[in-house]
Amino acid sequence: MKVREVIAYKNYFISFLKEQDKRVQNKIYKVIEIIETFQRIPKTYLSPVIGEKGLYYARIKLGSNIWRVFCFFDEGKLVILLNAFAKKTQKTPKKEIKKAKRLMKEYYIEKNSK
């Protein structure tokens, strides 16, 4: 049973997902399912971005490869997926964090102008 809903904002996440092979897509769907159904999501699947209020990233790991999907909560029960990337270095690239922050801001501007 779902405890929250996960949706993608614009096409950034969907475009990223389509570029991945089937095994990676299936792993991403599994993590999204965990986010939707677990009351308390383990940190291995969803963690806050340190120093960025309200911004989180979903962790996807398959073999030695790692992907990150930025997201945030809107009104508690809705998770908005933003941009995603394959993690190649220890630190999360600043440009990816900036992009996620910009998309989160855009989402709220659009939502509040309706």
PDB file of N, CA and C in Angstrom:
ATOM      1  N   MET A   1       0.832  -1.197   0.000  1.00  0.00           N
ATOM      2  CA  MET A   1       0.000   0.000   0.000  1.00  0.00           C
ATOM      3  C   MET A   1       0.873   1.256   0.000  1.00  0.00           C
ATOM      4  N   LYS A   2       0.493   2.214  -0.827  1.00  0.00           N
ATOM      5  CA  LYS A   2       1.263   3.453  -0.923  1.00  0.00           C
ATOM      6  C   LYS A   2       1.013   4.360   0.281  1.00  0.00           C
ATOM      7  N   VAL A   3       2.103   4.942   0.817  1.00  0.00           N
ATOM      8  CA  VAL A   3       1.978   5.944   1.871  1.00  0.00           C
ATOM      9  C   VAL A   3       2.272   7.340   1.317  1.00  0.00           C
ATOM     10  N   ARG A   4       2.869   7.377   0.128  1.00  0.00           N
ATOM     11  CA  ARG A   4       3.124   8.662  -0.532  1.00  0.00           C
ATOM     12  C   ARG A   4       3.155   8.450  -2.038  1.00  0.00           C
ATOM     13  N   GLU A   5       3.021   9.531  -2.759  1.00  0.00           N
ATOM     14  CA  GLU A   5       3.036   9.471  -4.221  1.00  0.00           C
ATOM     15  C   GLU A   5       4.340  10.062  -4.744  1.00  0.00           C
ATOM     16  N   VAL A   6       4.891   9.458  -5.771  1.00  0.00           N
ATOM     17  CA  VAL A   6       6.118   9.949  -6.399  1.00  0.00           C
ATOM     18  C   VAL A   6       5.780  10.364  -7.825  1.00  0.00           C
ATOM     19  N   ILE A   7       6.117  11.614  -8.170  1.00  0.00           N
ATOM     20  CA  ILE A   7       5.907  12.088  -9.542  1.00  0.00           C
ATOM     21  C   ILE A   7       7.179  12.764 -10.037  1.00  0.00           C
ATOM     22  N   ALA A   8       7.310  12.842 -11.351  1.00  0.00           N
ATOM     23  CA  ALA A   8       8.472  13.517 -11.948  1.00  0.00           C
ATOM     24  C   ALA A   8       8.064  14.933 -12.335  1.00  0.00           C
ATOM     25  N   TYR A   9       8.942  15.891 -12.069  1.00  0.00           N
ATOM     26  CA  TYR A   9       8.708  17.275 -12.472  1.00  0.00           C
ATOM     27  C   TYR A   9       9.343  17.486 -13.840  1.00  0.00           C
ATOM     28  N   LYS A  10       8.557  17.983 -14.766  1.00  0.00           N
ATOM     29  CA  LYS A  10       8.970  18.189 -16.162  1.00  0.00           C
ATOM     30  C   LYS A  10       9.542  16.890 -16.717  1.00  0.00           C
ATOM     31  N   ASN A  11      10.534  16.951 -17.603  1.00  0.00           N
ATOM     32  CA  ASN A  11      10.992  15.731 -18.266  1.00  0.00           C
ATOM     33  C   ASN A  11      12.425  15.323 -17.907  1.00  0.00           C
ATOM     34  N   TYR A  12      13.048  16.000 -16.942  1.00  0.00           N
ATOM     35  CA  TYR A  12      14.456  15.733 -16.641  1.00  0.00           C
ATOM     36  C   TYR A  12      14.688  14.302 -16.176  1.00  0.00           C
ATOM     37  N   PHE A  13      13.899  13.847 -15.216  1.00  0.00           N
ATOM     38  CA  PHE A  13      14.066  12.494 -14.696  1.00  0.00           C
ATOM     39  C   PHE A  13      13.698  11.449 -15.751  1.00  0.00           C
ATOM     40  N   ILE A  14      12.583  11.655 -16.443  1.00  0.00           N
ATOM     41  CA  ILE A  14      12.108  10.697 -17.452  1.00  0.00           C
ATOM     42  C   ILE A  14      13.159  10.529 -18.559  1.00  0.00           C
ATOM     43  N   SER A  15      13.743  11.631 -19.019  1.00  0.00           N
ATOM     44  CA  SER A  15      14.790  11.564 -20.055  1.00  0.00           C
ATOM     45  C   SER A  15      15.977  10.745 -19.564  1.00  0.00           C
ATOM     46  N   PHE A  16      16.389  10.988 -18.327  1.00  0.00           N
ATOM     47  CA  PHE A  16      17.498  10.241 -17.728  1.00  0.00           C
ATOM     48  C   PHE A  16      17.153   8.750 -17.668  1.00  0.00           C
ATOM     49  N   LEU A  17      15.945   8.441 -17.209  1.00  0.00           N
ATOM     50  CA  LEU A  17      15.510   7.051 -17.059  1.00  0.00           C
ATOM     51  C   LEU A  17      15.546   6.309 -18.395  1.00  0.00           C
ATOM     52  N   LYS A  18      15.062   6.952 -19.454  1.00  0.00           N
ATOM     53  CA  LYS A  18      15.017   6.325 -20.783  1.00  0.00           C
ATOM     54  C   LYS A  18      16.407   6.004 -21.329  1.00  0.00           C
ATOM     55  N   GLU A  19      17.423   6.770 -20.896  1.00  0.00           N
ATOM     56  CA  GLU A  19      18.799   6.561 -21.370  1.00  0.00           C
ATOM     57  C   GLU A  19      19.466   5.344 -20.713  1.00  0.00           C
ATOM     58  N   GLN A  20      18.910   4.869 -19.603  1.00  0.00           N
ATOM     59  CA  GLN A  20      19.525   3.777 -18.845  1.00  0.00           C
ATOM     60  C   GLN A  20      19.120   2.421 -19.421  1.00  0.00           C
ATOM     61  N   ASP A  21      19.963   1.410 -19.188  1.00  0.00           N
ATOM     62  CA  ASP A  21      19.574   0.077 -19.658  1.00  0.00           C
ATOM     63  C   ASP A  21      18.506  -0.510 -18.728  1.00  0.00           C
ATOM     64  N   LYS A  22      17.912  -1.612 -19.155  1.00  0.00           N
ATOM     65  CA  LYS A  22      16.768  -2.207 -18.458  1.00  0.00           C
ATOM     66  C   LYS A  22      17.064  -2.534 -16.993  1.00  0.00           C
ATOM     67  N   ARG A  23      18.261  -3.077 -16.697  1.00  0.00           N
ATOM     68  CA  ARG A  23      18.605  -3.441 -15.318  1.00  0.00           C
ATOM     69  C   ARG A  23      18.628  -2.209 -14.407  1.00  0.00           C
ATOM     70  N   VAL A  24      19.179  -1.123 -14.918  1.00  0.00           N
ATOM     71  CA  VAL A  24      19.243   0.124 -14.135  1.00  0.00           C
ATOM     72  C   VAL A  24      17.832   0.679 -13.943  1.00  0.00           C
ATOM     73  N   GLN A  25      17.027   0.671 -14.997  1.00  0.00           N
ATOM     74  CA  GLN A  25      15.645   1.143 -14.900  1.00  0.00           C
ATOM     75  C   GLN A  25      14.882   0.354 -13.838  1.00  0.00           C
ATOM     76  N   ASN A  26      15.031  -0.967 -13.856  1.00  0.00           N
ATOM     77  CA  ASN A  26      14.341  -1.807 -12.875  1.00  0.00           C
ATOM     78  C   ASN A  26      14.772  -1.481 -11.448  1.00  0.00           C
ATOM     79  N   LYS A  27      16.052  -1.226 -11.247  1.00  0.00           N
ATOM     80  CA  LYS A  27      16.570  -0.872  -9.914  1.00  0.00           C
ATOM     81  C   LYS A  27      15.991   0.479  -9.477  1.00  0.00           C
ATOM     82  N   ILE A  28      15.928   1.433 -10.400  1.00  0.00           N
ATOM     83  CA  ILE A  28      15.360   2.751 -10.095  1.00  0.00           C
ATOM     84  C   ILE A  28      13.881   2.604  -9.706  1.00  0.00           C
ATOM     85  N   TYR A  29      13.134   1.798 -10.460  1.00  0.00           N
ATOM     86  CA  TYR A  29      11.715   1.569 -10.135  1.00  0.00           C
ATOM     87  C   TYR A  29      11.572   0.951  -8.745  1.00  0.00           C
ATOM     88  N   LYS A  30      12.486   0.044  -8.394  1.00  0.00           N
ATOM     89  CA  LYS A  30      12.458  -0.614  -7.081  1.00  0.00           C
ATOM     90  C   LYS A  30      12.647   0.429  -5.965  1.00  0.00           C
ATOM     91  N   VAL A  31      13.602   1.343  -6.148  1.00  0.00           N
ATOM     92  CA  VAL A  31      13.848   2.390  -5.148  1.00  0.00           C
ATOM     93  C   VAL A  31      12.639   3.317  -5.046  1.00  0.00           C
ATOM     94  N   ILE A  32      12.036   3.668  -6.177  1.00  0.00           N
ATOM     95  CA  ILE A  32      10.831   4.518  -6.159  1.00  0.00           C
ATOM     96  C   ILE A  32       9.705   3.801  -5.408  1.00  0.00           C
ATOM     97  N   GLU A  33       9.573   2.505  -5.631  1.00  0.00           N
ATOM     98  CA  GLU A  33       8.552   1.720  -4.931  1.00  0.00           C
ATOM     99  C   GLU A  33       8.780   1.743  -3.412  1.00  0.00           C
ATOM    100  N   ILE A  34      10.030   1.664  -2.991  1.00  0.00           N
ATOM    101  CA  ILE A  34      10.367   1.737  -1.561  1.00  0.00           C
ATOM    102  C   ILE A  34       9.970   3.105  -1.000  1.00  0.00           C
ATOM    103  N   ILE A  35      10.280   4.163  -1.752  1.00  0.00           N
ATOM    104  CA  ILE A  35       9.934   5.527  -1.324  1.00  0.00           C
ATOM    105  C   ILE A  35       8.408   5.668  -1.192  1.00  0.00           C
ATOM    106  N   GLU A  36       7.672   5.047  -2.111  1.00  0.00           N
ATOM    107  CA  GLU A  36       6.205   5.132  -2.088  1.00  0.00           C
ATOM    108  C   GLU A  36       5.570   4.315  -0.963  1.00  0.00           C
ATOM    109  N   THR A  37       6.172   3.198  -0.602  1.00  0.00           N
ATOM    110  CA  THR A  37       5.484   2.267   0.296  1.00  0.00           C
ATOM    111  C   THR A  37       6.019   2.186   1.730  1.00  0.00           C
ATOM    112  N   PHE A  38       7.270   2.524   1.974  1.00  0.00           N
ATOM    113  CA  PHE A  38       7.821   2.447   3.336  1.00  0.00           C
ATOM    114  C   PHE A  38       7.436   3.690   4.124  1.00  0.00           C
ATOM    115  N   GLN A  39       6.913   3.485   5.329  1.00  0.00           N
ATOM    116  CA  GLN A  39       6.568   4.616   6.195  1.00  0.00           C
ATOM    117  C   GLN A  39       7.836   5.416   6.524  1.00  0.00           C
ATOM    118  N   ARG A  40       8.888   4.685   6.940  1.00  0.00           N
ATOM    119  CA  ARG A  40      10.179   5.305   7.223  1.00  0.00           C
ATOM    120  C   ARG A  40      11.168   4.785   6.189  1.00  0.00           C
ATOM    121  N   ILE A  41      11.640   5.664   5.318  1.00  0.00           N
ATOM    122  CA  ILE A  41      12.529   5.257   4.231  1.00  0.00           C
ATOM    123  C   ILE A  41      13.960   5.161   4.751  1.00  0.00           C
ATOM    124  N   PRO A  42      14.615   3.994   4.600  1.00  0.00           N
ATOM    125  CA  PRO A  42      16.010   3.854   5.062  1.00  0.00           C
ATOM    126  C   PRO A  42      16.946   4.828   4.336  1.00  0.00           C
ATOM    127  N   LYS A  43      17.955   5.324   5.054  1.00  0.00           N
ATOM    128  CA  LYS A  43      18.928   6.261   4.480  1.00  0.00           C
ATOM    129  C   LYS A  43      19.684   5.678   3.289  1.00  0.00           C
ATOM    130  N   THR A  44      19.730   4.352   3.191  1.00  0.00           N
ATOM    131  CA  THR A  44      20.404   3.749   2.040  1.00  0.00           C
ATOM    132  C   THR A  44      19.657   4.057   0.743  1.00  0.00           C
ATOM    133  N   TYR A  45      18.387   4.452   0.841  1.00  0.00           N
ATOM    134  CA  TYR A  45      17.596   4.759  -0.353  1.00  0.00           C
ATOM    135  C   TYR A  45      17.302   6.244  -0.528  1.00  0.00           C
ATOM    136  N   LEU A  46      17.200   6.987   0.568  1.00  0.00           N
ATOM    137  CA  LEU A  46      16.864   8.408   0.472  1.00  0.00           C
ATOM    138  C   LEU A  46      17.583   9.176   1.569  1.00  0.00           C
ATOM    139  N   SER A  47      18.369  10.184   1.164  1.00  0.00           N
ATOM    140  CA  SER A  47      19.134  10.977   2.130  1.00  0.00           C
ATOM    141  C   SER A  47      18.991  12.457   1.828  1.00  0.00           C
ATOM    142  N   PRO A  48      19.087  13.290   2.876  1.00  0.00           N
ATOM    143  CA  PRO A  48      19.061  14.736   2.621  1.00  0.00           C
ATOM    144  C   PRO A  48      20.382  15.198   2.023  1.00  0.00           C
ATOM    145  N   VAL A  49      20.321  16.228   1.190  1.00  0.00           N
ATOM    146  CA  VAL A  49      21.536  16.855   0.669  1.00  0.00           C
ATOM    147  C   VAL A  49      22.002  17.806   1.762  1.00  0.00           C
ATOM    148  N   ILE A  50      23.175  17.556   2.309  1.00  0.00           N
ATOM    149  CA  ILE A  50      23.705  18.362   3.426  1.00  0.00           C
ATOM    150  C   ILE A  50      23.832  19.829   3.007  1.00  0.00           C
ATOM    151  N   GLY A  51      23.257  20.705   3.828  1.00  0.00           N
ATOM    152  CA  GLY A  51      23.344  22.148   3.584  1.00  0.00           C
ATOM    153  C   GLY A  51      22.325  22.686   2.596  1.00  0.00           C
ATOM    154  N   GLU A  52      21.437  21.835   2.098  1.00  0.00           N
ATOM    155  CA  GLU A  52      20.415  22.271   1.132  1.00  0.00           C
ATOM    156  C   GLU A  52      19.040  21.937   1.690  1.00  0.00           C
ATOM    157  N   LYS A  53      18.405  22.915   2.311  1.00  0.00           N
ATOM    158  CA  LYS A  53      17.123  22.706   2.988  1.00  0.00           C
ATOM    159  C   LYS A  53      16.056  22.139   2.051  1.00  0.00           C
ATOM    160  N   GLY A  54      15.501  20.998   2.452  1.00  0.00           N
ATOM    161  CA  GLY A  54      14.389  20.403   1.720  1.00  0.00           C
ATOM    162  C   GLY A  54      14.762  19.539   0.529  1.00  0.00           C
ATOM    163  N   LEU A  55      16.041  19.528   0.162  1.00  0.00           N
ATOM    164  CA  LEU A  55      16.472  18.763  -1.008  1.00  0.00           C
ATOM    165  C   LEU A  55      17.027  17.405  -0.574  1.00  0.00           C
ATOM    166  N   TYR A  56      16.613  16.354  -1.270  1.00  0.00           N
ATOM    167  CA  TYR A  56      17.037  14.979  -0.977  1.00  0.00           C
ATOM    168  C   TYR A  56      17.588  14.343  -2.232  1.00  0.00           C
ATOM    169  N   TYR A  57      18.235  13.199  -2.052  1.00  0.00           N
ATOM    170  CA  TYR A  57      18.587  12.402  -3.219  1.00  0.00           C
ATOM    171  C   TYR A  57      18.295  10.940  -2.943  1.00  0.00           C
ATOM    172  N   ALA A  58      17.746  10.291  -3.968  1.00  0.00           N
ATOM    173  CA  ALA A  58      17.513   8.847  -3.908  1.00  0.00           C
ATOM    174  C   ALA A  58      18.798   8.189  -4.381  1.00  0.00           C
ATOM    175  N   ARG A  59      19.194   7.121  -3.694  1.00  0.00           N
ATOM    176  CA  ARG A  59      20.429   6.410  -4.038  1.00  0.00           C
ATOM    177  C   ARG A  59      20.087   5.126  -4.789  1.00  0.00           C
ATOM    178  N   ILE A  60      20.722   4.973  -5.925  1.00  0.00           N
ATOM    179  CA  ILE A  60      20.554   3.748  -6.701  1.00  0.00           C
ATOM    180  C   ILE A  60      21.937   3.155  -6.907  1.00  0.00           C
ATOM    181  N   LYS A  61      22.096   1.876  -6.525  1.00  0.00           N
ATOM    182  CA  LYS A  61      23.382   1.211  -6.667  1.00  0.00           C
ATOM    183  C   LYS A  61      23.166  -0.123  -7.350  1.00  0.00           C
ATOM    184  N   LEU A  62      23.947  -0.376  -8.379  1.00  0.00           N
ATOM    185  CA  LEU A  62      23.879  -1.639  -9.099  1.00  0.00           C
ATOM    186  C   LEU A  62      25.311  -2.048  -9.414  1.00  0.00           C
ATOM    187  N   GLY A  63      25.762  -3.116  -8.798  1.00  0.00           N
ATOM    188  CA  GLY A  63      27.164  -3.508  -8.937  1.00  0.00           C
ATOM    189  C   GLY A  63      28.025  -2.421  -8.327  1.00  0.00           C
ATOM    190  N   SER A  64      29.009  -1.953  -9.088  1.00  0.00           N
ATOM    191  CA  SER A  64      29.873  -0.877  -8.572  1.00  0.00           C
ATOM    192  C   SER A  64      29.428   0.492  -9.087  1.00  0.00           C
ATOM    193  N   ASN A  65      28.308   0.540  -9.818  1.00  0.00           N
ATOM    194  CA  ASN A  65      27.803   1.802 -10.352  1.00  0.00           C
ATOM    195  C   ASN A  65      26.785   2.431  -9.408  1.00  0.00           C
ATOM    196  N   ILE A  66      26.812   3.761  -9.374  1.00  0.00           N
ATOM    197  CA  ILE A  66      25.927   4.511  -8.479  1.00  0.00           C
ATOM    198  C   ILE A  66      25.253   5.639  -9.262  1.00  0.00           C
ATOM    199  N   TRP A  67      23.964   5.825  -8.995  1.00  0.00           N
ATOM    200  CA  TRP A  67      23.202   6.927  -9.584  1.00  0.00           C
ATOM    201  C   TRP A  67      22.522   7.689  -8.467  1.00  0.00           C
ATOM    202  N   ARG A  68      22.247   8.952  -8.715  1.00  0.00           N
ATOM    203  CA  ARG A  68      21.531   9.795  -7.768  1.00  0.00           C
ATOM    204  C   ARG A  68      20.360  10.450  -8.490  1.00  0.00           C
ATOM    205  N   VAL A  69      19.230  10.509  -7.788  1.00  0.00           N
ATOM    206  CA  VAL A  69      18.047  11.203  -8.306  1.00  0.00           C
ATOM    207  C   VAL A  69      17.658  12.230  -7.248  1.00  0.00           C
ATOM    208  N   PHE A  70      17.729  13.504  -7.601  1.00  0.00           N
ATOM    209  CA  PHE A  70      17.336  14.553  -6.661  1.00  0.00           C
ATOM    210  C   PHE A  70      15.820  14.622  -6.571  1.00  0.00           C
ATOM    211  N   CYS A  71      15.338  14.922  -5.370  1.00  0.00           N
ATOM    212  CA  CYS A  71      13.901  15.017  -5.163  1.00  0.00           C
ATOM    213  C   CYS A  71      13.621  15.864  -3.924  1.00  0.00           C
ATOM    214  N   PHE A  72      12.338  16.144  -3.694  1.00  0.00           N
ATOM    215  CA  PHE A  72      11.919  16.856  -2.489  1.00  0.00           C
ATOM    216  C   PHE A  72      10.478  16.480  -2.174  1.00  0.00           C
ATOM    217  N   PHE A  73      10.086  16.763  -0.948  1.00  0.00           N
ATOM    218  CA  PHE A  73       8.719  16.482  -0.507  1.00  0.00           C
ATOM    219  C   PHE A  73       7.892  17.742  -0.655  1.00  0.00           C
ATOM    220  N   ASP A  74       6.675  17.584  -1.156  1.00  0.00           N
ATOM    221  CA  ASP A  74       5.735  18.692  -1.227  1.00  0.00           C
ATOM    222  C   ASP A  74       4.503  18.260  -0.435  1.00  0.00           C
ATOM    223  N   GLU A  75       4.162  19.028   0.577  1.00  0.00           N
ATOM    224  CA  GLU A  75       3.005  18.739   1.437  1.00  0.00           C
ATOM    225  C   GLU A  75       3.092  17.349   2.067  1.00  0.00           C
ATOM    226  N   GLY A  76       4.309  16.892   2.334  1.00  0.00           N
ATOM    227  CA  GLY A  76       4.525  15.674   3.100  1.00  0.00           C
ATOM    228  C   GLY A  76       4.341  14.354   2.399  1.00  0.00           C
ATOM    229  N   LYS A  77       3.302  14.210   1.596  1.00  0.00           N
ATOM    230  CA  LYS A  77       2.983  12.908   1.003  1.00  0.00           C
ATOM    231  C   LYS A  77       3.281  12.826  -0.496  1.00  0.00           C
ATOM    232  N   LEU A  78       3.843  13.875  -1.047  1.00  0.00           N
ATOM    233  CA  LEU A  78       4.138  13.904  -2.471  1.00  0.00           C
ATOM    234  C   LEU A  78       5.642  14.090  -2.651  1.00  0.00           C
ATOM    235  N   VAL A  79       6.271  13.194  -3.395  1.00  0.00           N
ATOM    236  CA  VAL A  79       7.703  13.311  -3.654  1.00  0.00           C
ATOM    237  C   VAL A  79       7.878  13.710  -5.110  1.00  0.00           C
ATOM    238  N   ILE A  80       8.619  14.780  -5.333  1.00  0.00           N
ATOM    239  CA  ILE A  80       8.834  15.304  -6.679  1.00  0.00           C
ATOM    240  C   ILE A  80      10.244  14.931  -7.130  1.00  0.00           C
ATOM    241  N   LEU A  81      10.353  14.167  -8.215  1.00  0.00           N
ATOM    242  CA  LEU A  81      11.657  13.787  -8.763  1.00  0.00           C
ATOM    243  C   LEU A  81      12.148  14.883  -9.696  1.00  0.00           C
ATOM    244  N   LEU A  82      13.414  15.231  -9.561  1.00  0.00           N
ATOM    245  CA  LEU A  82      14.009  16.295 -10.375  1.00  0.00           C
ATOM    246  C   LEU A  82      15.006  15.685 -11.358  1.00  0.00           C
ATOM    247  N   ASN A  83      16.232  16.200 -11.357  1.00  0.00           N
ATOM    248  CA  ASN A  83      17.275  15.690 -12.241  1.00  0.00           C
ATOM    249  C   ASN A  83      17.982  14.479 -11.634  1.00  0.00           C
ATOM    250  N   ALA A  84      18.719  13.759 -12.465  1.00  0.00           N
ATOM    251  CA  ALA A  84      19.441  12.567 -12.014  1.00  0.00           C
ATOM    252  C   ALA A  84      20.767  12.491 -12.760  1.00  0.00           C
ATOM    253  N   PHE A  85      21.697  11.744 -12.197  1.00  0.00           N
ATOM    254  CA  PHE A  85      23.004  11.596 -12.849  1.00  0.00           C
ATOM    255  C   PHE A  85      23.698  10.334 -12.351  1.00  0.00           C
ATOM    256  N   ALA A  86      24.683   9.870 -13.131  1.00  0.00           N
ATOM    257  CA  ALA A  86      25.523   8.743 -12.718  1.00  0.00           C
ATOM    258  C   ALA A  86      26.647   9.325 -11.878  1.00  0.00           C
ATOM    259  N   LYS A  87      26.859   8.775 -10.714  1.00  0.00           N
ATOM    260  CA  LYS A  87      27.869   9.294  -9.789  1.00  0.00           C
ATOM    261  C   LYS A  87      29.227   8.692 -10.135  1.00  0.00           C
ATOM    262  N   LYS A  88      30.176   9.551 -10.471  1.00  0.00           N
ATOM    263  CA  LYS A  88      31.499   9.096 -10.889  1.00  0.00           C
ATOM    264  C   LYS A  88      32.580   9.461  -9.873  1.00  0.00           C
ATOM    265  N   THR A  89      32.284  10.417  -9.001  1.00  0.00           N
ATOM    266  CA  THR A  89      33.280  10.878  -8.023  1.00  0.00           C
ATOM    267  C   THR A  89      32.706  10.766  -6.620  1.00  0.00           C
ATOM    268  N   GLN A  90      33.570  10.964  -5.622  1.00  0.00           N
ATOM    269  CA  GLN A  90      33.157  10.889  -4.221  1.00  0.00           C
ATOM    270  C   GLN A  90      32.131  11.978  -3.885  1.00  0.00           C
ATOM    271  N   LYS A  91      32.392  13.200  -4.363  1.00  0.00           N
ATOM    272  CA  LYS A  91      31.501  14.323  -4.056  1.00  0.00           C
ATOM    273  C   LYS A  91      30.453  14.495  -5.154  1.00  0.00           C
ATOM    274  N   THR A  92      29.257  14.914  -4.743  1.00  0.00           N
ATOM    275  CA  THR A  92      28.193  15.209  -5.700  1.00  0.00           C
ATOM    276  C   THR A  92      28.545  16.505  -6.429  1.00  0.00           C
ATOM    277  N   PRO A  93      28.522  16.501  -7.771  1.00  0.00           N
ATOM    278  CA  PRO A  93      28.875  17.713  -8.520  1.00  0.00           C
ATOM    279  C   PRO A  93      27.983  18.906  -8.156  1.00  0.00           C
ATOM    280  N   LYS A  94      28.617  20.049  -7.914  1.00  0.00           N
ATOM    281  CA  LYS A  94      27.891  21.270  -7.539  1.00  0.00           C
ATOM    282  C   LYS A  94      26.859  21.665  -8.592  1.00  0.00           C
ATOM    283  N   LYS A  95      27.198  21.457  -9.882  1.00  0.00           N
ATOM    284  CA  LYS A  95      26.265  21.859 -10.946  1.00  0.00           C
ATOM    285  C   LYS A  95      24.971  21.051 -10.883  1.00  0.00           C
ATOM    286  N   GLU A  96      25.055  19.796 -10.444  1.00  0.00           N
ATOM    287  CA  GLU A  96      23.853  18.966 -10.316  1.00  0.00           C
ATOM    288  C   GLU A  96      22.985  19.459  -9.152  1.00  0.00           C
ATOM    289  N   ILE A  97      23.623  19.853  -8.056  1.00  0.00           N
ATOM    290  CA  ILE A  97      22.884  20.399  -6.902  1.00  0.00           C
ATOM    291  C   ILE A  97      22.221  21.715  -7.295  1.00  0.00           C
ATOM    292  N   LYS A  98      22.959  22.573  -8.006  1.00  0.00           N
ATOM    293  CA  LYS A  98      22.406  23.859  -8.450  1.00  0.00           C
ATOM    294  C   LYS A  98      21.197  23.647  -9.353  1.00  0.00           C
ATOM    295  N   LYS A  99      21.310  22.681 -10.255  1.00  0.00           N
ATOM    296  CA  LYS A  99      20.207  22.380 -11.168  1.00  0.00           C
ATOM    297  C   LYS A  99      18.982  21.916 -10.373  1.00  0.00           C
ATOM    298  N   ALA A 100      19.180  21.034  -9.403  1.00  0.00           N
ATOM    299  CA  ALA A 100      18.080  20.524  -8.574  1.00  0.00           C
ATOM    300  C   ALA A 100      17.424  21.669  -7.799  1.00  0.00           C
ATOM    301  N   LYS A 101      18.231  22.566  -7.240  1.00  0.00           N
ATOM    302  CA  LYS A 101      17.683  23.712  -6.489  1.00  0.00           C
ATOM    303  C   LYS A 101      16.865  24.611  -7.412  1.00  0.00           C
ATOM    304  N   ARG A 102      17.376  24.836  -8.622  1.00  0.00           N
ATOM    305  CA  ARG A 102      16.668  25.676  -9.599  1.00  0.00           C
ATOM    306  C   ARG A 102      15.326  25.040  -9.974  1.00  0.00           C
ATOM    307  N   LEU A 103      15.326  23.719 -10.193  1.00  0.00           N
ATOM    308  CA  LEU A 103      14.088  23.027 -10.565  1.00  0.00           C
ATOM    309  C   LEU A 103      13.083  23.031  -9.422  1.00  0.00           C
ATOM    310  N   MET A 104      13.562  22.876  -8.191  1.00  0.00           N
ATOM    311  CA  MET A 104      12.673  22.905  -7.024  1.00  0.00           C
ATOM    312  C   MET A 104      12.024  24.289  -6.913  1.00  0.00           C
ATOM    313  N   LYS A 105      12.811  25.327  -7.120  1.00  0.00           N
ATOM    314  CA  LYS A 105      12.305  26.706  -7.066  1.00  0.00           C
ATOM    315  C   LYS A 105      11.260  26.928  -8.178  1.00  0.00           C
ATOM    316  N   GLU A 106      11.570  26.465  -9.398  1.00  0.00           N
ATOM    317  CA  GLU A 106      10.636  26.570 -10.529  1.00  0.00           C
ATOM    318  C   GLU A 106       9.303  25.893 -10.212  1.00  0.00           C
ATOM    319  N   TYR A 107       9.390  24.706  -9.614  1.00  0.00           N
ATOM    320  CA  TYR A 107       8.184  23.942  -9.264  1.00  0.00           C
ATOM    321  C   TYR A 107       7.280  24.781  -8.354  1.00  0.00           C
ATOM    322  N   TYR A 108       7.851  25.375  -7.312  1.00  0.00           N
ATOM    323  CA  TYR A 108       7.041  26.161  -6.378  1.00  0.00           C
ATOM    324  C   TYR A 108       6.505  27.437  -7.013  1.00  0.00           C
ATOM    325  N   ILE A 109       7.278  28.062  -7.888  1.00  0.00           N
ATOM    326  CA  ILE A 109       6.799  29.251  -8.589  1.00  0.00           C
ATOM    327  C   ILE A 109       5.590  28.886  -9.454  1.00  0.00           C
ATOM    328  N   GLU A 110       5.707  27.785 -10.210  1.00  0.00           N
ATOM    329  CA  GLU A 110       4.595  27.332 -11.048  1.00  0.00           C
ATOM    330  C   GLU A 110       3.376  26.961 -10.207  1.00  0.00           C
ATOM    331  N   LYS A 111       3.610  26.237  -9.117  1.00  0.00           N
ATOM    332  CA  LYS A 111       2.524  25.791  -8.255  1.00  0.00           C
ATOM    333  C   LYS A 111       1.781  26.974  -7.635  1.00  0.00           C
ATOM    334  N   ASN A 112       2.528  27.972  -7.177  1.00  0.00           N
ATOM    335  CA  ASN A 112       1.927  29.129  -6.501  1.00  0.00           C
ATOM    336  C   ASN A 112       1.276  30.116  -7.470  1.00  0.00           C
ATOM    337  N   SER A 113       1.581  29.999  -8.768  1.00  0.00           N
ATOM    338  CA  SER A 113       0.980  30.916  -9.726  1.00  0.00           C
ATOM    339  C   SER A 113      -0.323  30.365 -10.310  1.00  0.00           C
ATOM    340  N   LYS A 114      -0.709  29.151  -9.870  1.00  0.00           N
ATOM    341  CA  LYS A 114      -1.963  28.539 -10.385  1.00  0.00           C
ATOM    342  C   LYS A 114      -3.163  29.040  -9.622  1.00  0.00           C
TER     343      LYS A 114
END
